[in-house]
All heavy atoms as atom14 arrays in JSON, in Angstrom:
{
  "sequence": "FRSTIGAVRSDPDTGRFLVRLVEETVAVGHAEGIALPPDQVERTMAL",
  "atom14_mask": [
    [1, 1, 1, 1, 1, 1, 1, 1, 1, 1, 1, 0, 0, 0],
    [1, 1, 1, 1, 1, 1, 1, 1, 1, 1, 1, 0, 0, 0],
    [1, 1, 1, 1, 1, 1, 0, 0, 0, 0, 0, 0, 0, 0],
    [1, 1, 1, 1, 1, 1, 1, 0, 0, 0, 0, 0, 0, 0],
    [1, 1, 1, 1, 1, 1, 1, 1, 0, 0, 0, 0, 0, 0],
    [1, 1, 1, 1, 0, 0, 0, 0, 0, 0, 0, 0, 0, 0],
    [1, 1, 1, 1, 1, 0, 0, 0, 0, 0, 0, 0, 0, 0],
    [1, 1, 1, 1, 1, 1, 1, 0, 0, 0, 0, 0, 0, 0],
    [1, 1, 1, 1, 1, 1, 1, 1, 1, 1, 1, 0, 0, 0],
    [1, 1, 1, 1, 1, 1, 0, 0, 0, 0, 0, 0, 0, 0],
    [1, 1, 1, 1, 1, 1, 1, 1, 0, 0, 0, 0, 0, 0],
    [1, 1, 1, 1, 1, 1, 1, 0, 0, 0, 0, 0, 0, 0],
    [1, 1, 1, 1, 1, 1, 1, 1, 0, 0, 0, 0, 0, 0],
    [1, 1, 1, 1, 1, 1, 1, 0, 0, 0, 0, 0, 0, 0],
    [1, 1, 1, 1, 0, 0, 0, 0, 0, 0, 0, 0, 0, 0],
    [1, 1, 1, 1, 1, 1, 1, 1, 1, 1, 1, 0, 0, 0],
    [1, 1, 1, 1, 1, 1, 1, 1, 1, 1, 1, 0, 0, 0],
    [1, 1, 1, 1, 1, 1, 1, 1, 0, 0, 0, 0, 0, 0],
    [1, 1, 1, 1, 1, 1, 1, 0, 0, 0, 0, 0, 0, 0],
    [1, 1, 1, 1, 1, 1, 1, 1, 1, 1, 1, 0, 0, 0],
    [1, 1, 1, 1, 1, 1, 1, 1, 0, 0, 0, 0, 0, 0],
    [1, 1, 1, 1, 1, 1, 1, 0, 0, 0, 0, 0, 0, 0],
    [1, 1, 1, 1, 1, 1, 1, 1, 1, 0, 0, 0, 0, 0],
    [1, 1, 1, 1, 1, 1, 1, 1, 1, 0, 0, 0, 0, 0],
    [1, 1, 1, 1, 1, 1, 1, 0, 0, 0, 0, 0, 0, 0],
    [1, 1, 1, 1, 1, 1, 1, 0, 0, 0, 0, 0, 0, 0],
    [1, 1, 1, 1, 1, 0, 0, 0, 0, 0, 0, 0, 0, 0],
    [1, 1, 1, 1, 1, 1, 1, 0, 0, 0, 0, 0, 0, 0],
    [1, 1, 1, 1, 0, 0, 0, 0, 0, 0, 0, 0, 0, 0],
    [1, 1, 1, 1, 1, 1, 1, 1, 1, 1, 0, 0, 0, 0],
    [1, 1, 1, 1, 1, 0, 0, 0, 0, 0, 0, 0, 0, 0],
    [1, 1, 1, 1, 1, 1, 1, 1, 1, 0, 0, 0, 0, 0],
    [1, 1, 1, 1, 0, 0, 0, 0, 0, 0, 0, 0, 0, 0],
    [1, 1, 1, 1, 1, 1, 1, 1, 0, 0, 0, 0, 0, 0],
    [1, 1, 1, 1, 1, 0, 0, 0, 0, 0, 0, 0, 0, 0],
    [1, 1, 1, 1, 1, 1, 1, 1, 0, 0, 0, 0, 0, 0],
    [1, 1, 1, 1, 1, 1, 1, 0, 0, 0, 0, 0, 0, 0],
    [1, 1, 1, 1, 1, 1, 1, 0, 0, 0, 0, 0, 0, 0],
    [1, 1, 1, 1, 1, 1, 1, 1, 0, 0, 0, 0, 0, 0],
    [1, 1, 1, 1, 1, 1, 1, 1, 1, 0, 0, 0, 0, 0],
    [1, 1, 1, 1, 1, 1, 1, 0, 0, 0, 0, 0, 0, 0],
    [1, 1, 1, 1, 1, 1, 1, 1, 1, 0, 0, 0, 0, 0],
    [1, 1, 1, 1, 1, 1, 1, 1, 1, 1, 1, 0, 0, 0],
    [1, 1, 1, 1, 1, 1, 1, 0, 0, 0, 0, 0, 0, 0],
    [1, 1, 1, 1, 1, 1, 1, 1, 0, 0, 0, 0, 0, 0],
    [1, 1, 1, 1, 1, 0, 0, 0, 0, 0, 0, 0, 0, 0],
    [1, 1, 1, 1, 1, 1, 1, 1, 0, 0, 0, 0, 0, 0]
  ],
  "atom14_positions": [
    [[-11.84, 0.55, -30.3], [-10.62, 1.18, -30.81], [-10.01, 0.43, -31.99], [-9.01, 0.88, -32.55], [-9.59, 1.33, -29.68], [-10.03, 2.29, -28.63], [-10.38, 1.86, -27.36], [-10.12, 3.65, -28.91], [-10.81, 2.75, -26.39], [-10.55, 4.55, -27.95], [-10.89, 4.11, -26.68], [0.0, 0.0, 0.0], [0.0, 0.0, 0.0], [0.0, 0.0, 0.0]],
    [[-10.61, -0.71, -32.35], [-10.12, -1.55, -33.46], [-8.62, -1.77, -33.32], [-7.83, -1.52, -34.22], [-10.5, -0.96, -34.81], [-12.02, -0.81, -34.94], [-12.52, -0.5, -36.31], [-12.28, -1.53, -37.29], [-12.99, -2.66, -37.44], [-13.96, -2.93, -36.62], [-12.71, -3.51, -38.41], [0.0, 0.0, 0.0], [0.0, 0.0, 0.0], [0.0, 0.0, 0.0]],
    [[-8.28, -2.26, -32.14], [-6.88, -2.42, -31.78], [-6.7, -3.64, -30.9], [-7.67, -4.23, -30.43], [-6.41, -1.16, -31.04], [-5.03, -1.21, -30.82], [0.0, 0.0, 0.0], [0.0, 0.0, 0.0], [0.0, 0.0, 0.0], [0.0, 0.0, 0.0], [0.0, 0.0, 0.0], [0.0, 0.0, 0.0], [0.0, 0.0, 0.0], [0.0, 0.0, 0.0]],
    [[-5.47, -4.02, -30.66], [-5.18, -5.13, -29.76], [-5.33, -4.69, -28.32], [-5.27, -3.5, -28.01], [-3.74, -5.64, -29.97], [-2.84, -4.59, -29.61], [-3.51, -6.09, -31.41], [0.0, 0.0, 0.0], [0.0, 0.0, 0.0], [0.0, 0.0, 0.0], [0.0, 0.0, 0.0], [0.0, 0.0, 0.0], [0.0, 0.0, 0.0], [0.0, 0.0, 0.0]],
    [[-5.47, -5.65, -27.41], [-5.58, -5.31, -26.0], [-4.27, -4.72, -25.5], [-4.27, -3.84, -24.62], [-6.05, -6.51, -25.14], [-6.48, -6.05, -23.75], [-4.97, -7.58, -25.05], [-7.63, -5.08, -23.71], [0.0, 0.0, 0.0], [0.0, 0.0, 0.0], [0.0, 0.0, 0.0], [0.0, 0.0, 0.0], [0.0, 0.0, 0.0], [0.0, 0.0, 0.0]],
    [[-3.14, -5.14, -26.06], [-1.86, -4.56, -25.66], [-1.79, -3.08, -25.94], [-1.34, -2.29, -25.11], [0.0, 0.0, 0.0], [0.0, 0.0, 0.0], [0.0, 0.0, 0.0], [0.0, 0.0, 0.0], [0.0, 0.0, 0.0], [0.0, 0.0, 0.0], [0.0, 0.0, 0.0], [0.0, 0.0, 0.0], [0.0, 0.0, 0.0], [0.0, 0.0, 0.0]],
    [[-2.26, -2.68, -27.13], [-2.25, -1.26, -27.49], [-3.24, -0.48, -26.62], [-2.93, 0.63, -26.18], [-2.6, -1.09, -28.96], [0.0, 0.0, 0.0], [0.0, 0.0, 0.0], [0.0, 0.0, 0.0], [0.0, 0.0, 0.0], [0.0, 0.0, 0.0], [0.0, 0.0, 0.0], [0.0, 0.0, 0.0], [0.0, 0.0, 0.0], [0.0, 0.0, 0.0]],
    [[-4.38, -1.06, -26.34], [-5.38, -0.39, -25.5], [-4.82, -0.21, -24.09], [-4.92, 0.88, -23.51], [-6.71, -1.19, -25.46], [-7.65, -0.64, -24.41], [-7.37, -1.18, -26.83], [0.0, 0.0, 0.0], [0.0, 0.0, 0.0], [0.0, 0.0, 0.0], [0.0, 0.0, 0.0], [0.0, 0.0, 0.0], [0.0, 0.0, 0.0], [0.0, 0.0, 0.0]],
    [[-4.22, -1.25, -23.53], [-3.68, -1.18, -22.17], [-2.56, -0.15, -22.06], [-2.43, 0.52, -21.04], [-3.1, -2.53, -21.74], [-4.08, -3.58, -21.41], [-3.4, -4.81, -20.83], [-2.28, -5.27, -21.63], [-2.08, -6.53, -22.0], [-2.91, -7.48, -21.62], [-1.05, -6.87, -22.73], [0.0, 0.0, 0.0], [0.0, 0.0, 0.0], [0.0, 0.0, 0.0]],
    [[-1.73, -0.05, -23.07], [-0.52, 0.76, -22.97], [-0.75, 2.26, -23.16], [0.1, 3.07, -22.8], [0.54, 0.27, -23.95], [0.1, 0.46, -25.28], [0.0, 0.0, 0.0], [0.0, 0.0, 0.0], [0.0, 0.0, 0.0], [0.0, 0.0, 0.0], [0.0, 0.0, 0.0], [0.0, 0.0, 0.0], [0.0, 0.0, 0.0], [0.0, 0.0, 0.0]],
    [[-1.88, 2.64, -23.72], [-2.16, 4.06, -23.93], [-2.97, 4.59, -22.73], [-3.97, 3.98, -22.35], [-2.96, 4.25, -25.22], [-3.29, 5.7, -25.47], [-2.46, 6.41, -26.05], [-4.41, 6.12, -25.06], [0.0, 0.0, 0.0], [0.0, 0.0, 0.0], [0.0, 0.0, 0.0], [0.0, 0.0, 0.0], [0.0, 0.0, 0.0], [0.0, 0.0, 0.0]],
    [[-2.56, 5.72, -22.15], [-3.28, 6.23, -20.97], [-4.77, 6.49, -21.22], [-5.61, 6.16, -20.38], [-2.56, 7.54, -20.64], [-1.2, 7.4, -21.24], [-1.38, 6.53, -22.46], [0.0, 0.0, 0.0], [0.0, 0.0, 0.0], [0.0, 0.0, 0.0], [0.0, 0.0, 0.0], [0.0, 0.0, 0.0], [0.0, 0.0, 0.0], [0.0, 0.0, 0.0]],
    [[-5.13, 7.06, -22.37], [-6.53, 7.38, -22.64], [-7.37, 6.13, -22.88], [-8.45, 5.98, -22.31], [-6.64, 8.33, -23.83], [-6.06, 9.7, -23.52], [-6.1, 10.13, -22.34], [-5.55, 10.35, -24.46], [0.0, 0.0, 0.0], [0.0, 0.0, 0.0], [0.0, 0.0, 0.0], [0.0, 0.0, 0.0], [0.0, 0.0, 0.0], [0.0, 0.0, 0.0]],
    [[-6.89, 5.23, -23.74], [-7.66, 4.02, -24.01], [-7.64, 3.09, -22.81], [-8.6, 2.37, -22.56], [-7.16, 3.31, -25.28], [-5.77, 2.97, -25.11], [-7.33, 4.18, -26.51], [0.0, 0.0, 0.0], [0.0, 0.0, 0.0], [0.0, 0.0, 0.0], [0.0, 0.0, 0.0], [0.0, 0.0, 0.0], [0.0, 0.0, 0.0], [0.0, 0.0, 0.0]],
    [[-6.56, 3.12, -22.03], [-6.49, 2.33, -20.81], [-7.54, 2.77, -19.8], [-8.17, 1.94, -19.14], [0.0, 0.0, 0.0], [0.0, 0.0, 0.0], [0.0, 0.0, 0.0], [0.0, 0.0, 0.0], [0.0, 0.0, 0.0], [0.0, 0.0, 0.0], [0.0, 0.0, 0.0], [0.0, 0.0, 0.0], [0.0, 0.0, 0.0], [0.0, 0.0, 0.0]],
    [[-7.74, 4.09, -19.67], [-8.79, 4.6, -18.77], [-10.17, 4.18, -19.26], [-11.06, 3.85, -18.47], [-8.7, 6.12, -18.66], [-7.69, 6.58, -17.63], [-7.8, 8.06, -17.31], [-7.56, 8.92, -18.46], [-6.35, 9.29, -18.9], [-5.27, 8.86, -18.28], [-6.22, 10.08, -19.95], [0.0, 0.0, 0.0], [0.0, 0.0, 0.0], [0.0, 0.0, 0.0]],
    [[-10.37, 4.2, -20.58], [-11.64, 3.75, -21.17], [-11.9, 2.3, -20.78], [-13.01, 1.94, -20.37], [-11.57, 3.91, -22.69], [-12.81, 3.48, -23.41], [-13.86, 4.36, -23.62], [-12.93, 2.19, -23.9], [-15.01, 3.96, -24.31], [-14.06, 1.78, -24.58], [-15.1, 2.68, -24.79], [0.0, 0.0, 0.0], [0.0, 0.0, 0.0], [0.0, 0.0, 0.0]],
    [[-10.89, 1.46, -20.88], [-10.99, 0.05, -20.52], [-11.39, -0.11, -19.05], [-12.31, -0.86, -18.73], [-9.66, -0.66, -20.8], [-9.48, -2.08, -20.29], [-10.49, -3.03, -20.92], [-8.05, -2.55, -20.56], [0.0, 0.0, 0.0], [0.0, 0.0, 0.0], [0.0, 0.0, 0.0], [0.0, 0.0, 0.0], [0.0, 0.0, 0.0], [0.0, 0.0, 0.0]],
    [[-10.72, 0.62, -18.18], [-11.05, 0.55, -16.75], [-12.49, 0.98, -16.52], [-13.23, 0.34, -15.75], [-10.08, 1.41, -15.91], [-10.55, 1.5, -14.45], [-8.67, 0.84, -15.98], [0.0, 0.0, 0.0], [0.0, 0.0, 0.0], [0.0, 0.0, 0.0], [0.0, 0.0, 0.0], [0.0, 0.0, 0.0], [0.0, 0.0, 0.0], [0.0, 0.0, 0.0]],
    [[-12.94, 2.03, -17.17], [-14.32, 2.51, -17.01], [-15.33, 1.46, -17.5], [-16.39, 1.3, -16.89], [-14.53, 3.84, -17.76], [-13.84, 5.02, -17.13], [-14.38, 5.4, -15.75], [-15.78, 5.78, -15.85], [-16.72, 5.4, -14.99], [-16.44, 4.65, -13.96], [-17.97, 5.76, -15.16], [0.0, 0.0, 0.0], [0.0, 0.0, 0.0], [0.0, 0.0, 0.0]],
    [[-15.01, 0.76, -18.59], [-15.9, -0.32, -19.04], [-16.04, -1.38, -17.95], [-17.15, -1.85, -17.67], [-15.34, -0.99, -20.31], [-15.54, -0.31, -21.64], [-14.8, -1.07, -22.73], [-17.0, -0.19, -21.98], [0.0, 0.0, 0.0], [0.0, 0.0, 0.0], [0.0, 0.0, 0.0], [0.0, 0.0, 0.0], [0.0, 0.0, 0.0], [0.0, 0.0, 0.0]],
    [[-14.93, -1.77, -17.38], [-14.94, -2.79, -16.33], [-15.7, -2.28, -15.11], [-16.55, -2.98, -14.55], [-13.49, -3.22, -15.98], [-13.46, -4.1, -14.74], [-12.86, -3.94, -17.17], [0.0, 0.0, 0.0], [0.0, 0.0, 0.0], [0.0, 0.0, 0.0], [0.0, 0.0, 0.0], [0.0, 0.0, 0.0], [0.0, 0.0, 0.0], [0.0, 0.0, 0.0]],
    [[-15.42, -1.04, -14.69], [-16.12, -0.48, -13.53], [-17.63, -0.42, -13.76], [-18.41, -0.77, -12.86], [-15.6, 0.94, -13.25], [-14.2, 0.98, -12.69], [-13.62, 2.39, -12.62], [-14.15, 3.31, -13.3], [-12.63, 2.56, -11.89], [0.0, 0.0, 0.0], [0.0, 0.0, 0.0], [0.0, 0.0, 0.0], [0.0, 0.0, 0.0], [0.0, 0.0, 0.0]],
    [[-18.03, 0.01, -14.92], [-19.46, 0.13, -15.22], [-20.15, -1.23, -15.23], [-21.26, -1.4, -14.72], [-19.67, 0.83, -16.57], [-21.11, 1.1, -16.91], [-21.78, 2.14, -16.03], [-21.08, 2.93, -15.38], [-23.03, 2.16, -15.99], [0.0, 0.0, 0.0], [0.0, 0.0, 0.0], [0.0, 0.0, 0.0], [0.0, 0.0, 0.0], [0.0, 0.0, 0.0]],
    [[-19.48, -2.24, -15.78], [-20.06, -3.58, -15.82], [-20.19, -4.16, -14.42], [-21.21, -4.78, -14.09], [-19.23, -4.5, -16.72], [-19.0, -3.85, -17.98], [-19.93, -5.82, -16.97], [0.0, 0.0, 0.0], [0.0, 0.0, 0.0], [0.0, 0.0, 0.0], [0.0, 0.0, 0.0], [0.0, 0.0, 0.0], [0.0, 0.0, 0.0], [0.0, 0.0, 0.0]],
    [[-19.19, -3.94, -13.58], [-19.27, -4.38, -12.19], [-20.43, -3.67, -11.48], [-21.2, -4.29, -10.74], [-17.94, -4.15, -11.45], [-18.09, -4.34, -9.94], [-16.86, -5.08, -12.0], [0.0, 0.0, 0.0], [0.0, 0.0, 0.0], [0.0, 0.0, 0.0], [0.0, 0.0, 0.0], [0.0, 0.0, 0.0], [0.0, 0.0, 0.0], [0.0, 0.0, 0.0]],
    [[-20.6, -2.37, -11.72], [-21.69, -1.61, -11.11], [-23.05, -2.17, -11.53], [-23.97, -2.27, -10.71], [-21.58, -0.13, -11.47], [0.0, 0.0, 0.0], [0.0, 0.0, 0.0], [0.0, 0.0, 0.0], [0.0, 0.0, 0.0], [0.0, 0.0, 0.0], [0.0, 0.0, 0.0], [0.0, 0.0, 0.0], [0.0, 0.0, 0.0], [0.0, 0.0, 0.0]],
    [[-23.19, -2.53, -12.79], [-24.45, -3.12, -13.27], [-24.68, -4.46, -12.57], [-25.8, -4.76, -12.14], [-24.46, -3.27, -14.81], [-25.67, -4.06, -15.27], [-24.43, -1.9, -15.48], [0.0, 0.0, 0.0], [0.0, 0.0, 0.0], [0.0, 0.0, 0.0], [0.0, 0.0, 0.0], [0.0, 0.0, 0.0], [0.0, 0.0, 0.0], [0.0, 0.0, 0.0]],
    [[-23.64, -5.27, -12.45], [-23.78, -6.54, -11.74], [-24.24, -6.34, -10.31], [-25.16, -7.02, -9.84], [0.0, 0.0, 0.0], [0.0, 0.0, 0.0], [0.0, 0.0, 0.0], [0.0, 0.0, 0.0], [0.0, 0.0, 0.0], [0.0, 0.0, 0.0], [0.0, 0.0, 0.0], [0.0, 0.0, 0.0], [0.0, 0.0, 0.0], [0.0, 0.0, 0.0]],
    [[-23.61, -5.39, -9.62], [-24.04, -5.09, -8.24], [-25.49, -4.62, -8.21], [-26.26, -5.03, -7.34], [-23.13, -4.04, -7.61], [-21.8, -4.57, -7.21], [-20.65, -3.83, -7.26], [-21.41, -5.8, -6.77], [-19.64, -4.55, -6.85], [-20.07, -5.76, -6.55], [0.0, 0.0, 0.0], [0.0, 0.0, 0.0], [0.0, 0.0, 0.0], [0.0, 0.0, 0.0]],
    [[-25.88, -3.77, -9.17], [-27.26, -3.28, -9.22], [-28.25, -4.42, -9.46], [-29.4, -4.36, -9.03], [-27.41, -2.22, -10.31], [0.0, 0.0, 0.0], [0.0, 0.0, 0.0], [0.0, 0.0, 0.0], [0.0, 0.0, 0.0], [0.0, 0.0, 0.0], [0.0, 0.0, 0.0], [0.0, 0.0, 0.0], [0.0, 0.0, 0.0], [0.0, 0.0, 0.0]],
    [[-27.79, -5.46, -10.13], [-28.64, -6.63, -10.38], [-28.64, -7.61, -9.22], [-29.24, -8.68, -9.29], [-28.17, -7.36, -11.66], [-28.49, -6.61, -12.93], [-29.99, -6.5, -13.17], [-30.7, -7.52, -13.05], [-30.46, -5.39, -13.46], [0.0, 0.0, 0.0], [0.0, 0.0, 0.0], [0.0, 0.0, 0.0], [0.0, 0.0, 0.0], [0.0, 0.0, 0.0]],
    [[-27.9, -7.28, -8.17], [-27.87, -8.13, -6.99], [-26.84, -9.23, -7.02], [-26.89, -10.17, -6.22], [0.0, 0.0, 0.0], [0.0, 0.0, 0.0], [0.0, 0.0, 0.0], [0.0, 0.0, 0.0], [0.0, 0.0, 0.0], [0.0, 0.0, 0.0], [0.0, 0.0, 0.0], [0.0, 0.0, 0.0], [0.0, 0.0, 0.0], [0.0, 0.0, 0.0]],
    [[-25.88, -9.16, -7.93], [-24.83, -10.17, -8.04], [-23.75, -9.85, -7.0], [-23.27, -8.72, -6.92], [-24.23, -10.21, -9.46], [-25.33, -10.42, -10.51], [-23.14, -11.27, -9.56], [-26.12, -11.71, -10.36], [0.0, 0.0, 0.0], [0.0, 0.0, 0.0], [0.0, 0.0, 0.0], [0.0, 0.0, 0.0], [0.0, 0.0, 0.0], [0.0, 0.0, 0.0]],
    [[-23.34, -10.84, -6.25], [-22.38, -10.65, -5.16], [-20.94, -10.69, -5.66], [-20.12, -11.48, -5.2], [-22.6, -11.71, -4.08], [0.0, 0.0, 0.0], [0.0, 0.0, 0.0], [0.0, 0.0, 0.0], [0.0, 0.0, 0.0], [0.0, 0.0, 0.0], [0.0, 0.0, 0.0], [0.0, 0.0, 0.0], [0.0, 0.0, 0.0], [0.0, 0.0, 0.0]],
    [[-20.64, -9.81, -6.61], [-19.26, -9.71, -7.09], [-18.39, -9.21, -5.94], [-18.82, -8.36, -5.16], [-19.17, -8.74, -8.27], [-19.81, -9.24, -9.57], [-20.0, -8.09, -10.55], [-18.96, -10.34, -10.19], [0.0, 0.0, 0.0], [0.0, 0.0, 0.0], [0.0, 0.0, 0.0], [0.0, 0.0, 0.0], [0.0, 0.0, 0.0], [0.0, 0.0, 0.0]],
    [[-17.16, -9.72, -5.83], [-16.28, -9.27, -4.75], [-16.01, -7.77, -4.83], [-16.02, -7.2, -5.92], [-14.98, -10.05, -4.99], [-15.31, -11.12, -5.95], [-16.53, -10.71, -6.7], [0.0, 0.0, 0.0], [0.0, 0.0, 0.0], [0.0, 0.0, 0.0], [0.0, 0.0, 0.0], [0.0, 0.0, 0.0], [0.0, 0.0, 0.0], [0.0, 0.0, 0.0]],
    [[-15.75, -7.14, -3.68], [-15.47, -5.7, -3.68], [-14.28, -5.31, -4.56], [-14.23, -4.2, -5.07], [-15.17, -5.39, -2.21], [-15.74, -6.52, -1.44], [-15.75, -7.7, -2.34], [0.0, 0.0, 0.0], [0.0, 0.0, 0.0], [0.0, 0.0, 0.0], [0.0, 0.0, 0.0], [0.0, 0.0, 0.0], [0.0, 0.0, 0.0], [0.0, 0.0, 0.0]],
    [[-13.34, -6.23, -4.75], [-12.15, -5.95, -5.56], [-12.26, -6.51, -6.99], [-11.26, -6.75, -7.65], [-10.89, -6.48, -4.89], [-10.87, -8.0, -4.77], [-11.95, -8.65, -4.91], [-9.78, -8.56, -4.54], [0.0, 0.0, 0.0], [0.0, 0.0, 0.0], [0.0, 0.0, 0.0], [0.0, 0.0, 0.0], [0.0, 0.0, 0.0], [0.0, 0.0, 0.0]],
    [[-13.5, -6.69, -7.47], [-13.68, -7.29, -8.8], [-13.01, -6.48, -9.91], [-12.45, -7.05, -10.83], [-15.16, -7.49, -9.12], [-15.4, -8.24, -10.42], [-14.81, -9.63, -10.39], [-15.14, -10.42, -9.52], [-13.92, -9.95, -11.32], [0.0, 0.0, 0.0], [0.0, 0.0, 0.0], [0.0, 0.0, 0.0], [0.0, 0.0, 0.0], [0.0, 0.0, 0.0]],
    [[-13.06, -5.17, -9.85], [-12.41, -4.35, -10.89], [-10.92, -4.66, -10.9], [-10.34, -4.91, -11.97], [-12.67, -2.84, -10.66], [-11.82, -2.0, -11.61], [-14.14, -2.52, -10.83], [0.0, 0.0, 0.0], [0.0, 0.0, 0.0], [0.0, 0.0, 0.0], [0.0, 0.0, 0.0], [0.0, 0.0, 0.0], [0.0, 0.0, 0.0], [0.0, 0.0, 0.0]],
    [[-10.3, -4.66, -9.73], [-8.86, -4.93, -9.65], [-8.53, -6.34, -10.13], [-7.54, -6.55, -10.84], [-8.35, -4.74, -8.21], [-8.4, -3.3, -7.74], [-9.78, -2.81, -7.29], [-10.73, -3.64, -7.17], [-9.92, -1.59, -7.09], [0.0, 0.0, 0.0], [0.0, 0.0, 0.0], [0.0, 0.0, 0.0], [0.0, 0.0, 0.0], [0.0, 0.0, 0.0]],
    [[-9.35, -7.33, -9.76], [-9.14, -8.71, -10.21], [-9.2, -8.8, -11.74], [-8.38, -9.46, -12.37], [-10.2, -9.64, -9.64], [-10.07, -9.92, -8.19], [-11.2, -10.85, -7.77], [-11.23, -11.07, -6.35], [-11.73, -12.16, -5.79], [-12.25, -13.12, -6.53], [-11.74, -12.29, -4.48], [0.0, 0.0, 0.0], [0.0, 0.0, 0.0], [0.0, 0.0, 0.0]],
    [[-10.21, -8.15, -12.3], [-10.39, -8.19, -13.75], [-9.23, -7.5, -14.46], [-8.69, -8.02, -15.44], [-11.73, -7.56, -14.15], [-12.78, -8.24, -13.48], [-11.94, -7.63, -15.65], [0.0, 0.0, 0.0], [0.0, 0.0, 0.0], [0.0, 0.0, 0.0], [0.0, 0.0, 0.0], [0.0, 0.0, 0.0], [0.0, 0.0, 0.0], [0.0, 0.0, 0.0]],
    [[-8.83, -6.34, -13.96], [-7.73, -5.62, -14.58], [-6.42, -6.4, -14.46], [-5.59, -6.38, -15.38], [-7.58, -4.21, -13.99], [-8.77, -3.3, -14.31], [-9.25, -3.22, -16.06], [-7.75, -2.59, -16.79], [0.0, 0.0, 0.0], [0.0, 0.0, 0.0], [0.0, 0.0, 0.0], [0.0, 0.0, 0.0], [0.0, 0.0, 0.0], [0.0, 0.0, 0.0]],
    [[-6.23, -7.14, -13.36], [-5.03, -7.98, -13.21], [-5.03, -9.1, -14.25], [-3.98, -9.43, -14.83], [-4.96, -8.54, -11.8], [0.0, 0.0, 0.0], [0.0, 0.0, 0.0], [0.0, 0.0, 0.0], [0.0, 0.0, 0.0], [0.0, 0.0, 0.0], [0.0, 0.0, 0.0], [0.0, 0.0, 0.0], [0.0, 0.0, 0.0], [0.0, 0.0, 0.0]],
    [[-6.19, -9.68, -14.52], [-6.29, -10.71, -15.54], [-6.03, -10.13, -16.93], [-5.28, -10.7, -17.73], [-7.67, -11.38, -15.49], [-7.95, -12.45, -16.54], [-6.94, -13.59, -16.45], [-9.37, -12.98, -16.37], [0.0, 0.0, 0.0], [0.0, 0.0, 0.0], [0.0, 0.0, 0.0], [0.0, 0.0, 0.0], [0.0, 0.0, 0.0], [0.0, 0.0, 0.0]]
  ]
}
């Protein structure tokens, strides 16, 4: 989005995109056998 993380977080559409990126990356980690915690998406979004 060529934008700051604040702008990405604050917009509903770009914020959903950000969450989907995090969800997809966690899913790939799980598919690779990495024992990421079940709440990894929430932990990452909190950070």
